[in-house]
Amino acid sequence: MFEKLVKSKPLMRIITAVLIGCAVILTLSVFSKSKDGRRQIIDMDGGAEERLCSILSNVKGAGKVEAMIEYDTGGKVSGVLVTAEGAGNPVVAKDLTEGVACLYNIPVSSVIVFEKEQEE
């Protein structure tokens, strides 16, 4: 009876499709992890920037904040540009720079913070 099932073409096609699907899922899982095992999420709709701005605007003295995140070809954050109303204060600029560098595990040299013109 088992031999009949193995020789059944539709069953073999289903088994083959399931195995290929599993291989694809495992491959995607491996390629979506960074070297330290954490997943990086590339979002093209700006959600990461919005969340980052929300967090950074809570830094004392930062004021209104805007940010742009740059990703390398592997999907890892390679640089961040931040504008903040309070970035004219060196302590605030340092706090913002170090916070972003720590959050994305990138060197502080990959983060640049500019003073944002205050809106009236």
N, C-alpha and C. Protein backbone atom coordinates (compact mmCIF):
# COMPACT_ATOMS: atom_id res chain seq x y z
N MET A 1 0.82 -1.18 0.00
CA MET A 1 0.00 0.00 0.00
C MET A 1 0.87 1.25 0.00
N PHE A 2 1.94 1.27 0.80
CA PHE A 2 2.83 2.41 0.85
C PHE A 2 3.47 2.66 -0.51
N GLU A 3 3.79 1.59 -1.22
CA GLU A 3 4.40 1.72 -2.55
C GLU A 3 3.46 2.41 -3.52
N LYS A 4 2.14 2.15 -3.42
CA LYS A 4 1.17 2.82 -4.28
C LYS A 4 1.15 4.32 -4.01
N LEU A 5 1.21 4.70 -2.71
CA LEU A 5 1.20 6.11 -2.36
C LEU A 5 2.46 6.83 -2.87
N VAL A 6 3.60 6.17 -2.75
CA VAL A 6 4.85 6.76 -3.20
C VAL A 6 4.85 6.94 -4.71
N LYS A 7 4.23 6.04 -5.43
CA LYS A 7 4.21 6.11 -6.89
C LYS A 7 3.14 7.07 -7.40
N SER A 8 2.27 7.56 -6.53
CA SER A 8 1.20 8.47 -6.92
C SER A 8 1.79 9.84 -7.27
N LYS A 9 1.61 10.29 -8.51
CA LYS A 9 2.19 11.55 -8.96
C LYS A 9 1.62 12.77 -8.23
N PRO A 10 0.32 12.87 -8.01
CA PRO A 10 -0.18 14.05 -7.28
C PRO A 10 0.38 14.15 -5.87
N LEU A 11 0.51 13.02 -5.19
CA LEU A 11 1.06 13.03 -3.85
C LEU A 11 2.52 13.46 -3.87
N MET A 12 3.28 12.98 -4.81
CA MET A 12 4.69 13.35 -4.93
C MET A 12 4.83 14.84 -5.22
N ARG A 13 3.93 15.38 -6.03
CA ARG A 13 3.97 16.82 -6.33
C ARG A 13 3.68 17.65 -5.08
N ILE A 14 2.73 17.20 -4.28
CA ILE A 14 2.40 17.92 -3.05
C ILE A 14 3.58 17.87 -2.09
N ILE A 15 4.17 16.70 -1.93
CA ILE A 15 5.32 16.56 -1.03
C ILE A 15 6.48 17.43 -1.51
N THR A 16 6.73 17.43 -2.81
CA THR A 16 7.80 18.25 -3.37
C THR A 16 7.53 19.73 -3.12
N ALA A 17 6.29 20.16 -3.34
CA ALA A 17 5.94 21.57 -3.13
C ALA A 17 6.12 21.97 -1.67
N VAL A 18 5.73 21.10 -0.75
CA VAL A 18 5.88 21.39 0.68
C VAL A 18 7.36 21.49 1.04
N LEU A 19 8.18 20.59 0.55
CA LEU A 19 9.61 20.63 0.84
C LEU A 19 10.26 21.90 0.28
N ILE A 20 9.89 22.28 -0.92
CA ILE A 20 10.44 23.50 -1.52
C ILE A 20 9.99 24.72 -0.71
N GLY A 21 8.74 24.73 -0.29
CA GLY A 21 8.24 25.83 0.54
C GLY A 21 9.00 25.95 1.84
N CYS A 22 9.26 24.83 2.48
CA CYS A 22 10.03 24.83 3.73
C CYS A 22 11.45 25.36 3.50
N ALA A 23 12.06 24.96 2.41
CA ALA A 23 13.41 25.43 2.10
C ALA A 23 13.42 26.94 1.88
N VAL A 24 12.42 27.46 1.19
CA VAL A 24 12.34 28.91 0.94
C VAL A 24 12.16 29.66 2.25
N ILE A 25 11.30 29.18 3.12
CA ILE A 25 11.06 29.85 4.41
C ILE A 25 12.33 29.85 5.26
N LEU A 26 13.04 28.74 5.30
CA LEU A 26 14.29 28.68 6.06
C LEU A 26 15.34 29.62 5.49
N THR A 27 15.42 29.69 4.17
CA THR A 27 16.38 30.58 3.52
C THR A 27 16.07 32.03 3.85
N LEU A 28 14.82 32.43 3.77
CA LEU A 28 14.44 33.80 4.08
C LEU A 28 14.72 34.13 5.54
N SER A 29 14.50 33.18 6.41
CA SER A 29 14.77 33.39 7.84
C SER A 29 16.25 33.64 8.09
N VAL A 30 17.10 32.88 7.43
CA VAL A 30 18.54 33.03 7.60
C VAL A 30 19.00 34.38 7.07
N PHE A 31 18.51 34.80 5.91
CA PHE A 31 18.95 36.05 5.30
C PHE A 31 18.36 37.28 5.95
N SER A 32 17.33 37.14 6.76
CA SER A 32 16.73 38.32 7.40
C SER A 32 17.33 38.60 8.77
N LYS A 33 18.29 37.80 9.19
CA LYS A 33 18.94 38.02 10.48
C LYS A 33 20.30 38.67 10.26
N SER A 34 20.65 39.60 11.15
CA SER A 34 21.97 40.19 11.09
C SER A 34 22.96 39.22 11.73
N LYS A 35 24.22 39.57 11.73
CA LYS A 35 25.23 38.64 12.22
C LYS A 35 25.10 38.33 13.70
N ASP A 36 24.52 39.25 14.46
CA ASP A 36 24.38 38.98 15.88
C ASP A 36 23.06 38.30 16.21
N GLY A 37 22.30 37.90 15.20
CA GLY A 37 21.08 37.14 15.41
C GLY A 37 19.82 37.97 15.51
N ARG A 38 19.96 39.30 15.58
CA ARG A 38 18.77 40.15 15.66
C ARG A 38 18.26 40.42 14.25
N ARG A 39 16.95 40.55 14.15
CA ARG A 39 16.35 40.84 12.85
C ARG A 39 16.29 42.33 12.62
N GLN A 40 16.62 42.74 11.42
CA GLN A 40 16.48 44.13 11.01
C GLN A 40 15.23 44.22 10.15
N ILE A 41 14.43 45.19 10.40
CA ILE A 41 13.21 45.36 9.61
C ILE A 41 13.39 46.54 8.68
N ILE A 42 13.25 46.27 7.41
CA ILE A 42 13.31 47.34 6.43
C ILE A 42 11.89 47.75 6.14
N ASP A 43 11.57 48.96 6.44
CA ASP A 43 10.21 49.38 6.15
C ASP A 43 10.27 50.58 5.21
N MET A 44 9.63 50.43 4.11
CA MET A 44 9.65 51.47 3.09
C MET A 44 8.60 52.55 3.31
N ASP A 45 7.72 52.37 4.30
CA ASP A 45 6.67 53.36 4.52
C ASP A 45 7.04 54.38 5.58
N GLY A 46 8.25 54.34 6.10
CA GLY A 46 8.71 55.35 7.05
C GLY A 46 8.33 55.08 8.50
N GLY A 47 7.81 53.93 8.80
CA GLY A 47 7.42 53.62 10.17
C GLY A 47 8.58 53.66 11.14
N ALA A 48 9.74 53.21 10.71
CA ALA A 48 10.92 53.22 11.59
C ALA A 48 11.32 54.65 11.91
N GLU A 49 11.27 55.53 10.92
CA GLU A 49 11.61 56.93 11.15
C GLU A 49 10.62 57.58 12.12
N GLU A 50 9.34 57.30 11.93
CA GLU A 50 8.31 57.88 12.81
C GLU A 50 8.53 57.43 14.26
N ARG A 51 8.79 56.16 14.43
CA ARG A 51 9.01 55.64 15.78
C ARG A 51 10.27 56.24 16.39
N LEU A 52 11.33 56.35 15.59
CA LEU A 52 12.58 56.95 16.07
C LEU A 52 12.35 58.40 16.48
N CYS A 53 11.64 59.16 15.67
CA CYS A 53 11.35 60.57 15.99
C CYS A 53 10.55 60.68 17.27
N SER A 54 9.61 59.79 17.44
CA SER A 54 8.79 59.79 18.66
C SER A 54 9.65 59.57 19.89
N ILE A 55 10.58 58.65 19.80
CA ILE A 55 11.47 58.35 20.93
C ILE A 55 12.43 59.51 21.18
N LEU A 56 13.07 60.01 20.11
CA LEU A 56 14.06 61.07 20.27
C LEU A 56 13.46 62.38 20.75
N SER A 57 12.21 62.64 20.38
CA SER A 57 11.59 63.90 20.81
C SER A 57 11.34 63.91 22.32
N ASN A 58 11.43 62.75 22.96
CA ASN A 58 11.28 62.68 24.41
C ASN A 58 12.58 62.99 25.15
N VAL A 59 13.69 63.09 24.41
CA VAL A 59 14.96 63.44 25.03
C VAL A 59 14.87 64.90 25.51
N LYS A 60 15.27 65.14 26.74
CA LYS A 60 15.17 66.48 27.33
C LYS A 60 15.89 67.50 26.45
N GLY A 61 15.15 68.51 26.03
CA GLY A 61 15.71 69.61 25.24
C GLY A 61 15.72 69.37 23.74
N ALA A 62 15.31 68.18 23.28
CA ALA A 62 15.38 67.88 21.85
C ALA A 62 14.36 68.67 21.03
N GLY A 63 13.16 68.85 21.56
CA GLY A 63 12.12 69.54 20.80
C GLY A 63 11.61 68.65 19.68
N LYS A 64 11.15 69.29 18.60
CA LYS A 64 10.64 68.53 17.45
C LYS A 64 11.81 67.89 16.71
N VAL A 65 11.60 66.64 16.32
CA VAL A 65 12.67 65.85 15.70
C VAL A 65 12.19 65.24 14.39
N GLU A 66 13.07 65.22 13.40
CA GLU A 66 12.85 64.48 12.16
C GLU A 66 14.07 63.60 11.93
N ALA A 67 13.87 62.45 11.27
CA ALA A 67 14.99 61.54 11.05
C ALA A 67 14.85 60.83 9.72
N MET A 68 15.98 60.45 9.17
CA MET A 68 16.03 59.65 7.96
C MET A 68 17.01 58.51 8.21
N ILE A 69 16.58 57.29 7.92
CA ILE A 69 17.41 56.11 8.14
C ILE A 69 17.86 55.58 6.78
N GLU A 70 19.15 55.31 6.65
CA GLU A 70 19.70 54.74 5.41
C GLU A 70 20.08 53.29 5.68
N TYR A 71 19.70 52.42 4.75
CA TYR A 71 19.99 50.99 4.88
C TYR A 71 21.01 50.57 3.83
N ASP A 72 21.88 49.61 4.18
CA ASP A 72 22.80 49.07 3.18
C ASP A 72 22.07 48.00 2.37
N THR A 73 22.76 47.41 1.41
CA THR A 73 22.12 46.43 0.53
C THR A 73 21.68 45.18 1.28
N GLY A 74 22.27 44.92 2.43
CA GLY A 74 21.88 43.76 3.23
C GLY A 74 20.71 44.04 4.16
N GLY A 75 20.22 45.27 4.16
CA GLY A 75 19.08 45.60 4.99
C GLY A 75 19.42 46.09 6.38
N LYS A 76 20.72 46.26 6.67
CA LYS A 76 21.14 46.75 7.98
C LYS A 76 21.25 48.27 7.93
N VAL A 77 20.93 48.92 9.04
CA VAL A 77 21.03 50.37 9.12
C VAL A 77 22.50 50.76 8.95
N SER A 78 22.77 51.67 7.99
CA SER A 78 24.14 52.10 7.75
C SER A 78 24.38 53.54 8.17
N GLY A 79 23.32 54.31 8.30
CA GLY A 79 23.49 55.70 8.71
C GLY A 79 22.15 56.33 9.05
N VAL A 80 22.20 57.35 9.90
CA VAL A 80 20.99 58.04 10.31
C VAL A 80 21.28 59.54 10.34
N LEU A 81 20.36 60.30 9.77
CA LEU A 81 20.42 61.76 9.81
C LEU A 81 19.26 62.24 10.68
N VAL A 82 19.56 63.09 11.64
CA VAL A 82 18.55 63.59 12.57
C VAL A 82 18.59 65.11 12.58
N THR A 83 17.42 65.73 12.54
CA THR A 83 17.32 67.16 12.79
C THR A 83 16.44 67.34 14.01
N ALA A 84 16.89 68.19 14.92
CA ALA A 84 16.15 68.43 16.16
C ALA A 84 16.25 69.90 16.53
N GLU A 85 15.16 70.45 17.03
CA GLU A 85 15.15 71.86 17.43
C GLU A 85 16.22 72.16 18.48
N GLY A 86 16.43 71.25 19.38
CA GLY A 86 17.38 71.48 20.47
C GLY A 86 18.80 71.03 20.19
N ALA A 87 19.09 70.63 18.96
CA ALA A 87 20.42 70.09 18.65
C ALA A 87 21.51 71.16 18.65
N GLY A 88 21.14 72.43 18.79
CA GLY A 88 22.16 73.48 18.93
C GLY A 88 22.88 73.36 20.27
N ASN A 89 22.25 72.71 21.22
CA ASN A 89 22.87 72.43 22.51
C ASN A 89 23.74 71.19 22.35
N PRO A 90 25.06 71.31 22.59
CA PRO A 90 25.95 70.17 22.37
C PRO A 90 25.60 68.93 23.20
N VAL A 91 25.07 69.12 24.39
CA VAL A 91 24.69 67.98 25.24
C VAL A 91 23.52 67.23 24.61
N VAL A 92 22.53 67.98 24.11
CA VAL A 92 21.37 67.35 23.45
C VAL A 92 21.82 66.63 22.19
N ALA A 93 22.67 67.29 21.39
CA ALA A 93 23.16 66.66 20.15
C ALA A 93 23.92 65.36 20.46
N LYS A 94 24.73 65.39 21.53
CA LYS A 94 25.48 64.19 21.92
C LYS A 94 24.53 63.09 22.37
N ASP A 95 23.52 63.45 23.17
CA ASP A 95 22.56 62.45 23.64
C ASP A 95 21.81 61.81 22.46
N LEU A 96 21.39 62.62 21.51
CA LEU A 96 20.68 62.10 20.34
C LEU A 96 21.58 61.19 19.52
N THR A 97 22.82 61.62 19.29
CA THR A 97 23.78 60.83 18.51
C THR A 97 24.04 59.47 19.17
N GLU A 98 24.32 59.49 20.46
CA GLU A 98 24.62 58.24 21.16
C GLU A 98 23.40 57.34 21.26
N GLY A 99 22.23 57.93 21.41
CA GLY A 99 21.01 57.13 21.47
C GLY A 99 20.75 56.39 20.17
N VAL A 100 20.89 57.09 19.06
CA VAL A 100 20.68 56.46 17.75
C VAL A 100 21.74 55.39 17.48
N ALA A 101 23.00 55.71 17.78
CA ALA A 101 24.09 54.74 17.56
C ALA A 101 23.86 53.48 18.37
N CYS A 102 23.43 53.64 19.60
CA CYS A 102 23.17 52.49 20.47
C CYS A 102 21.97 51.69 19.96
N LEU A 103 20.91 52.39 19.58
CA LEU A 103 19.69 51.73 19.13
C LEU A 103 19.94 50.84 17.91
N TYR A 104 20.69 51.36 16.93
CA TYR A 104 20.91 50.62 15.69
C TYR A 104 22.25 49.89 15.64
N ASN A 105 23.01 49.95 16.74
CA ASN A 105 24.30 49.26 16.81
C ASN A 105 25.21 49.68 15.67
N ILE A 106 25.31 51.01 15.49
CA ILE A 106 26.19 51.58 14.47
C ILE A 106 27.14 52.56 15.15
N PRO A 107 28.29 52.86 14.53
CA PRO A 107 29.20 53.81 15.16
C PRO A 107 28.61 55.22 15.17
N VAL A 108 29.01 56.02 16.15
CA VAL A 108 28.51 57.40 16.22
C VAL A 108 28.87 58.19 14.97
N SER A 109 29.92 57.78 14.29
CA SER A 109 30.31 58.46 13.05
C SER A 109 29.29 58.23 11.92
N SER A 110 28.39 57.28 12.10
CA SER A 110 27.35 57.01 11.11
C SER A 110 26.05 57.74 11.43
N VAL A 111 26.09 58.56 12.47
CA VAL A 111 24.92 59.34 12.88
C VAL A 111 25.29 60.82 12.82
N ILE A 112 24.47 61.61 12.16
CA ILE A 112 24.71 63.05 12.12
C ILE A 112 23.46 63.76 12.60
N VAL A 113 23.68 64.72 13.48
CA VAL A 113 22.57 65.46 14.07
C VAL A 113 22.75 66.94 13.75
N PHE A 114 21.69 67.54 13.20
CA PHE A 114 21.69 68.96 12.86
C PHE A 114 20.62 69.68 13.68
N GLU A 115 20.86 70.96 13.89
CA GLU A 115 19.84 71.78 14.56
C GLU A 115 18.75 72.10 13.55
N LYS A 116 17.53 71.87 13.97
CA LYS A 116 16.36 72.12 13.13
C LYS A 116 15.89 73.54 13.40
N GLU A 117 15.50 74.21 12.34
CA GLU A 117 14.94 75.55 12.49
C GLU A 117 13.62 75.44 13.23
N GLN A 118 13.46 76.25 14.27
CA GLN A 118 12.25 76.18 15.07
C GLN A 118 11.08 76.76 14.30
N GLU A 119 9.97 76.02 14.35
CA GLU A 119 8.75 76.44 13.66
C GLU A 119 8.02 77.46 14.52
N GLU A 120 7.38 78.40 13.88
CA GLU A 120 6.64 79.42 14.62
C GLU A 120 5.18 79.10 14.69
